[in-house]
Protein backbone atom coordinates (compact mmCIF):
# COMPACT_ATOMS: atom_id res chain seq x y z
CA MET A 1 -145.62 192.92 15.02
CA THR A 2 -148.99 192.29 13.40
CA LYS A 3 -150.81 188.98 13.87
CA LEU A 4 -150.65 188.42 10.11
CA LYS A 5 -146.89 188.92 10.04
CA LEU A 6 -146.42 186.63 13.06
CA ALA A 7 -148.55 183.95 11.39
CA SER A 8 -146.46 184.23 8.21
CA ILE A 9 -143.25 183.74 10.22
CA ILE A 10 -144.69 180.69 11.98
CA VAL A 11 -145.80 179.15 8.66
CA ALA A 12 -142.39 179.84 7.10
CA ALA A 13 -140.60 178.30 10.07
CA ALA A 14 -142.83 175.23 9.91
CA PHE A 15 -142.20 174.89 6.17
CA ALA A 16 -138.43 175.20 6.71
CA THR A 17 -138.53 172.54 9.42
CA THR A 18 -140.43 170.18 7.12
CA ALA A 19 -138.02 170.84 4.27
CA ASN A 20 -135.04 170.16 6.54
CA ALA A 21 -136.65 166.96 7.83
CA GLU A 22 -137.00 165.70 4.26
CA GLU A 23 -133.27 166.30 3.72
CA VAL A 24 -132.29 163.69 6.34
CA VAL A 25 -131.20 160.39 4.76
CA ARG A 26 -131.25 157.28 6.95
CA LEU A 27 -128.35 155.02 5.93
CA GLY A 28 -127.74 151.41 6.95
CA ASN A 29 -124.15 150.19 6.85
CA LEU A 30 -121.83 147.37 7.99
CA LYS A 31 -118.49 147.55 9.81
CA PHE A 32 -115.98 146.43 7.20
CA ALA A 33 -112.96 148.14 5.64
CA HIS A 34 -114.50 148.21 2.16
CA TYR A 35 -117.69 149.87 3.52
CA GLY A 36 -115.60 152.85 4.62
CA ALA A 37 -116.44 155.22 1.76
CA VAL A 38 -120.15 154.67 2.40
CA SER A 39 -119.60 155.58 6.05
CA TYR A 40 -117.65 158.68 4.97
CA ILE A 41 -120.73 160.04 3.20
CA LYS A 42 -122.08 161.33 6.52
CA GLU A 43 -118.92 163.42 7.03
CA ILE A 44 -119.32 165.36 3.78
CA ALA A 45 -123.13 165.28 3.64
CA PRO A 46 -123.61 168.92 4.75
CA LYS A 47 -121.63 170.03 1.66
CA CYS A 48 -124.13 168.07 -0.43
CA GLY A 49 -127.08 169.82 1.22
CA ILE A 50 -128.24 166.81 3.24
CA LYS A 51 -127.81 165.18 6.64
CA VAL A 52 -127.00 161.47 6.79
CA GLU A 53 -127.82 159.37 9.83
CA GLU A 54 -125.76 156.19 9.76
CA HIS A 55 -126.98 153.02 11.48
CA VAL A 56 -124.49 150.11 11.66
CA PHE A 57 -125.74 146.52 11.49
CA ALA A 58 -124.12 143.10 12.02
CA LYS A 59 -124.92 141.69 8.58
CA GLY A 60 -126.60 142.51 5.27
CA PRO A 61 -129.95 140.79 5.89
CA ASP A 62 -130.38 143.01 8.98
CA VAL A 63 -130.05 146.07 6.76
CA MET A 64 -132.71 144.66 4.46
CA GLN A 65 -135.08 144.06 7.39
CA ALA A 66 -134.66 147.69 8.48
CA ILE A 67 -135.45 148.93 4.96
CA LEU A 68 -138.48 146.64 4.87
CA ALA A 69 -139.63 148.10 8.20
CA GLY A 70 -139.38 151.63 6.78
CA GLU A 71 -136.49 152.55 9.10
CA LEU A 72 -133.91 153.22 6.37
CA ASP A 73 -133.84 155.05 3.04
CA VAL A 74 -130.53 153.63 1.77
CA GLY A 75 -128.53 150.55 2.69
CA ALA A 76 -125.06 149.16 1.95
CA THR A 77 -124.96 145.40 1.70
CA ALA A 78 -123.57 142.48 -0.24
CA SER A 79 -125.52 141.54 -3.35
CA GLU A 80 -127.03 138.34 -1.94
CA ALA A 81 -128.87 140.24 0.84
CA ALA A 82 -130.27 142.67 -1.72
CA ILE A 83 -131.29 139.84 -4.06
CA GLN A 84 -132.92 137.83 -1.31
CA GLY A 85 -134.69 140.93 -0.01
CA ARG A 86 -136.07 141.82 -3.43
CA ALA A 87 -137.08 138.19 -4.02
CA ASN A 88 -139.13 138.21 -0.83
CA GLY A 89 -140.94 141.46 -1.53
CA ALA A 90 -138.63 144.21 -0.28
CA PRO A 91 -139.38 147.38 -2.30
CA ILE A 92 -135.79 148.25 -3.19
CA TYR A 93 -133.60 149.19 -6.13
CA VAL A 94 -129.88 148.56 -6.55
CA VAL A 95 -128.50 152.01 -7.43
CA ALA A 96 -124.70 151.54 -7.33
CA GLY A 97 -121.81 149.27 -6.41
CA PHE A 98 -119.29 150.43 -3.82
CA ALA A 99 -116.63 147.71 -3.49
CA LYS A 100 -115.44 144.57 -5.25
CA GLY A 101 -114.09 141.31 -3.87
CA GLY A 102 -113.81 141.35 -0.10
CA ALA A 103 -113.68 137.58 0.49
CA ARG A 104 -110.92 135.11 1.24
CA LEU A 105 -110.75 131.43 2.19
CA VAL A 106 -108.36 131.23 5.12
CA ALA A 107 -107.15 127.99 6.73
CA ARG A 108 -105.21 127.08 9.85
CA PRO A 109 -101.48 126.82 9.03
CA ASP A 110 -101.45 123.22 10.35
CA SER A 111 -104.58 122.09 8.46
CA GLY A 112 -102.86 120.92 5.29
CA ILE A 113 -105.47 122.79 3.23
CA LYS A 114 -103.95 124.17 0.02
CA ALA A 115 -106.97 124.18 -2.30
CA ILE A 116 -110.75 123.83 -2.29
CA LYS A 117 -110.54 120.05 -2.81
CA ASP A 118 -108.64 119.77 0.49
CA LEU A 119 -111.75 120.88 2.39
CA LYS A 120 -113.13 117.35 2.16
CA GLY A 121 -113.64 116.02 5.68
CA LYS A 122 -113.07 119.47 7.20
CA LYS A 123 -115.10 121.99 9.21
CA VAL A 124 -115.44 125.35 7.48
CA GLY A 125 -116.83 128.45 9.14
CA VAL A 126 -118.93 131.01 7.27
CA THR A 127 -121.59 133.58 8.07
CA ARG A 128 -125.06 132.39 7.15
CA GLY A 129 -126.91 134.46 4.58
CA GLY A 130 -123.90 136.44 3.39
CA ILE A 131 -122.23 136.65 -0.01
CA HIS A 132 -119.44 134.58 1.54
CA GLU A 133 -121.84 131.66 1.94
CA VAL A 134 -122.82 132.02 -1.72
CA LEU A 135 -119.16 132.09 -2.82
CA LEU A 136 -118.27 129.10 -0.63
CA ALA A 137 -121.23 127.10 -1.94
CA ALA A 138 -120.30 127.97 -5.52
CA GLU A 139 -116.66 126.94 -5.01
CA LEU A 140 -117.60 123.65 -3.29
CA ALA A 141 -120.14 122.79 -5.99
CA GLN A 142 -117.59 123.60 -8.68
CA ALA A 143 -115.14 121.20 -6.99
CA GLY A 144 -117.80 118.48 -6.77
CA LEU A 145 -117.96 118.55 -2.96
CA SER A 146 -121.21 118.16 -1.02
CA PHE A 147 -121.80 120.35 2.03
CA SER A 148 -124.17 120.90 4.93
CA ASP A 149 -124.22 122.25 8.46
CA GLN A 150 -125.09 118.68 9.51
CA PRO A 151 -122.58 115.77 9.54
CA GLY A 152 -122.56 113.30 6.65
CA LYS A 153 -121.48 115.48 3.72
CA ASP A 154 -118.01 116.08 2.29
CA VAL A 155 -117.71 119.42 4.09
CA GLN A 156 -119.36 120.41 7.35
CA LEU A 157 -120.33 124.08 7.48
CA VAL A 158 -120.32 125.93 10.79
CA PHE A 159 -122.35 129.14 10.77
CA LEU A 160 -120.91 131.97 12.87
CA ALA A 161 -121.04 135.76 12.90
CA PHE A 162 -118.19 137.53 11.07
CA ALA A 163 -116.83 138.70 14.42
CA ASP A 164 -116.60 135.11 15.74
CA LEU A 165 -115.00 133.35 12.76
CA ASN A 166 -111.42 134.45 13.49
CA GLN A 167 -111.69 133.45 17.14
CA ALA A 168 -112.95 129.99 16.15
CA LEU A 169 -110.03 129.56 13.73
CA LEU A 170 -107.55 130.77 16.36
CA GLY A 171 -109.04 128.36 18.90
CA LYS A 172 -108.68 125.49 16.37
CA ASN A 173 -112.42 124.84 16.44
CA LEU A 174 -112.46 125.18 12.64
CA ASP A 175 -110.14 124.07 9.87
CA ALA A 176 -110.89 127.02 7.59
CA ILE A 177 -113.12 130.08 7.27
CA MET A 178 -114.60 132.04 4.39
CA GLN A 179 -114.11 135.51 5.80
CA SER A 180 -114.54 139.18 4.92
CA GLU A 181 -112.08 142.08 5.16
CA PRO A 182 -110.21 143.22 7.19
CA GLN A 183 -110.76 140.11 9.35
CA SER A 184 -109.20 137.69 6.85
CA SER A 185 -106.13 139.94 6.51
CA GLN A 186 -105.86 140.13 10.31
CA ALA A 187 -105.89 136.32 10.62
CA ILE A 188 -103.08 136.06 8.06
CA ASN A 189 -101.00 138.93 9.47
CA LYS A 190 -101.27 137.57 13.02
CA GLY A 191 -100.09 134.15 11.88
CA TYR A 192 -103.03 131.94 12.79
CA GLY A 193 -104.38 131.81 9.23
CA VAL A 194 -103.00 131.27 5.72
CA GLU A 195 -104.69 132.21 2.47
CA VAL A 196 -106.05 129.29 0.50
CA MET A 197 -107.67 131.35 -2.22
CA LYS A 198 -109.69 134.40 -3.16
CA PRO A 199 -112.96 132.81 -4.35
CA TYR A 200 -113.39 134.68 -7.61
CA ASP A 201 -113.17 131.87 -10.18
CA THR A 202 -116.89 131.00 -10.22
CA PRO A 203 -119.40 132.58 -12.64
CA ILE A 204 -119.93 135.38 -10.09
CA GLY A 205 -116.33 136.55 -10.38
CA GLU A 206 -115.51 139.29 -7.89
CA PRO A 207 -118.72 140.00 -5.96
CA VAL A 208 -119.78 143.64 -6.06
CA ARG A 209 -121.24 145.15 -2.89
CA THR A 210 -124.50 146.95 -3.53
CA LEU A 211 -125.93 150.29 -2.52
CA VAL A 212 -129.72 149.95 -2.40
CA MET A 213 -132.51 152.50 -2.04
CA SER A 214 -136.08 152.00 -1.00
CA GLU A 215 -138.44 152.47 -3.93
CA LYS A 216 -140.25 155.18 -1.94
CA PHE A 217 -137.07 157.21 -1.41
CA TYR A 218 -135.94 156.73 -5.02
CA THR A 219 -139.35 157.75 -6.42
CA THR A 220 -140.84 160.34 -4.05
CA HIS A 221 -137.67 162.04 -2.73
CA ARG A 222 -135.90 162.25 -6.04
CA ALA A 223 -134.00 165.51 -5.39
CA THR A 224 -132.69 164.27 -2.04
CA ALA A 225 -131.80 160.90 -3.55
CA ALA A 226 -129.81 162.71 -6.26
CA LYS A 227 -127.93 164.73 -3.61
CA PHE A 228 -127.16 161.55 -1.70
CA MET A 229 -125.85 159.85 -4.84
CA SER A 230 -123.64 162.84 -5.62
CA CYS A 231 -122.30 162.61 -2.07
CA PHE A 232 -121.65 158.87 -2.50
CA VAL A 233 -119.66 159.49 -5.67
CA GLN A 234 -117.63 162.27 -4.00
CA ALA A 235 -116.89 160.12 -0.94
CA THR A 236 -115.84 157.18 -3.12
CA LYS A 237 -113.64 159.35 -5.32
CA THR A 238 -111.92 160.69 -2.19
CA PHE A 239 -111.18 157.16 -0.98
CA ILE A 240 -109.94 156.01 -4.40
CA ASP A 241 -107.75 159.09 -5.00
CA ASP A 242 -106.50 159.74 -1.45
CA LYS A 243 -105.46 156.41 0.03
CA PRO A 244 -103.87 157.91 3.20
CA ALA A 245 -107.14 159.73 3.98
CA ALA A 246 -109.11 156.53 3.39
CA GLU A 247 -106.79 154.56 5.67
CA LYS A 248 -106.91 157.18 8.43
CA TYR A 249 -110.70 157.29 8.39
CA VAL A 250 -111.23 153.52 8.33
CA ARG A 251 -108.59 152.71 10.95
CA ASN A 252 -109.39 155.54 13.35
CA ALA A 253 -113.05 156.51 12.86
CA ILE A 254 -114.49 153.06 12.10
CA PHE A 255 -112.16 150.57 13.80
CA LYS A 256 -110.85 152.87 16.59
CA GLY A 257 -107.25 151.75 16.06
CA GLN A 258 -108.07 148.03 16.21
CA ILE A 259 -106.54 147.26 12.80
CA THR A 260 -103.01 147.96 11.64
CA SER A 261 -101.86 149.76 8.52
CA ASP A 262 -100.91 146.38 7.01
CA ASP A 263 -104.38 145.01 7.82
CA PHE A 264 -105.98 147.94 6.02
CA GLN A 265 -103.67 147.83 3.00
CA ASP A 266 -104.11 144.07 2.58
CA ALA A 267 -107.87 144.33 3.06
CA ILE A 268 -108.36 147.05 0.44
CA SER A 269 -106.07 145.32 -2.05
CA ASN A 270 -108.66 142.50 -1.89
CA SER A 271 -111.72 144.78 -1.80
CA PRO A 272 -111.11 147.95 -3.85
CA TYR A 273 -113.64 150.78 -3.80
CA THR A 274 -115.78 151.29 -6.90
CA TYR A 275 -118.95 153.04 -8.10
CA ASP A 276 -120.37 150.69 -10.65
CA ILE A 277 -122.62 147.67 -10.88
CA SER A 278 -124.46 145.99 -13.74
CA PRO A 279 -127.72 144.07 -14.11
CA GLN A 280 -125.67 141.22 -15.62
CA HIS A 281 -123.61 140.79 -12.44
CA ILE A 282 -126.72 140.79 -10.24
CA GLN A 283 -128.45 138.29 -12.56
CA ILE A 284 -125.49 135.88 -12.49
CA THR A 285 -125.34 136.09 -8.69
CA THR A 286 -129.10 135.43 -8.53
CA ASP A 287 -128.71 132.39 -10.79
CA VAL A 288 -125.87 130.96 -8.67
CA MET A 289 -127.93 131.47 -5.50
CA ASN A 290 -130.79 129.60 -7.13
CA LYS A 291 -128.53 126.76 -8.25
CA THR A 292 -126.77 126.29 -4.91
CA GLY A 293 -129.86 126.86 -2.79
CA VAL A 294 -128.26 129.61 -0.71
CA GLY A 295 -130.86 132.15 0.38
CA LYS A 296 -134.56 131.51 0.44
CA MET A 297 -136.29 133.25 -2.46
CA ARG A 298 -140.03 133.23 -3.07
CA LYS A 299 -139.44 134.25 -6.65
CA ALA A 300 -136.03 134.96 -8.14
CA PRO A 301 -136.01 138.61 -9.25
CA VAL A 302 -135.05 139.68 -12.76
CA ALA A 303 -132.11 142.05 -12.44
CA THR A 304 -133.09 144.40 -15.26
CA GLU A 305 -136.30 145.22 -13.40
CA TRP A 306 -134.65 146.54 -10.23
CA VAL A 307 -131.05 147.56 -10.99
CA LYS A 308 -131.38 151.28 -11.71
CA THR A 309 -128.16 153.26 -12.17
CA ASP A 310 -129.60 156.47 -13.64
CA LEU A 311 -128.91 158.52 -10.47
CA LEU A 312 -125.36 157.17 -10.38
CA ASP A 313 -124.81 157.99 -14.05
CA GLU A 314 -126.08 161.54 -13.52
CA ALA A 315 -123.87 162.05 -10.46
CA LYS A 316 -120.75 160.73 -12.20
CA LYS A 317 -121.44 162.90 -15.24
CA SER A 318 -121.90 166.06 -13.16
CA LEU A 319 -118.60 165.36 -11.36
CA ASN A 320 -116.74 164.45 -14.58
CA ILE A 321 -116.07 160.88 -13.52
CA LYS A 322 -116.04 158.14 -16.14
């Protein structure tokens, strides 16, 4: 073999390695039932011509920090984490929605709580910085109730991680919790919680979970971003069309058998998978966050400037999905 030919092979191999490296998409995700289709993307990614590395975080703001640090290309999070991140300088775009709803106010069966107004004088658990805190604040404000994590207001908030809320309710350390899925369904199905309401009667309506991309990935890796979005649409369509496959993947691959079929079914009935999101929804959520003071924002972002659904529209069109 000539030196020239050997050099050509080495250059070609190096180029191929670089090309393959650019096809890796670093995805941040959370461990919830309605985040299952996003997780499933990594399973079908090779068919889309990419490799997806999934990193699971405890809460949305952690995903935003990882994007800010340049450790992720795409992240799945509730809208409030994306809004707060963008408001504080995170270079991100909202590119799709992936689930709706996913929240429930659950009370102890012996608490006497039947409606929001009954929370007066009670301790309510919620995860700080999540969309659930925004929804709870909006519901309390709408009912004319004051609230704080310090004593002296109508409702005392207790901030706990999602994983700890159910245990605190079970241990009777809290009167009620604003919880995600499938945890709220588990509390109800196991008998230590009862549904008070699904908090969707504020201006926000059903909150839409957001898929966000770093501006760098969206702009400079356009072809890979398009492949990822096509993969997202395919994964979501699979979960919408094939409910048994969705249940099997979420229960076995994500939760390792820790949730029952009833838990999954109840959870997804309250947090259905979707593709879509609108600037209007993000703007309303931003306005409610501003009004209630949930989430520290240097400057409230204008939704039309950073909600970009062109890649989603192209992917849905190419796959004949309306």
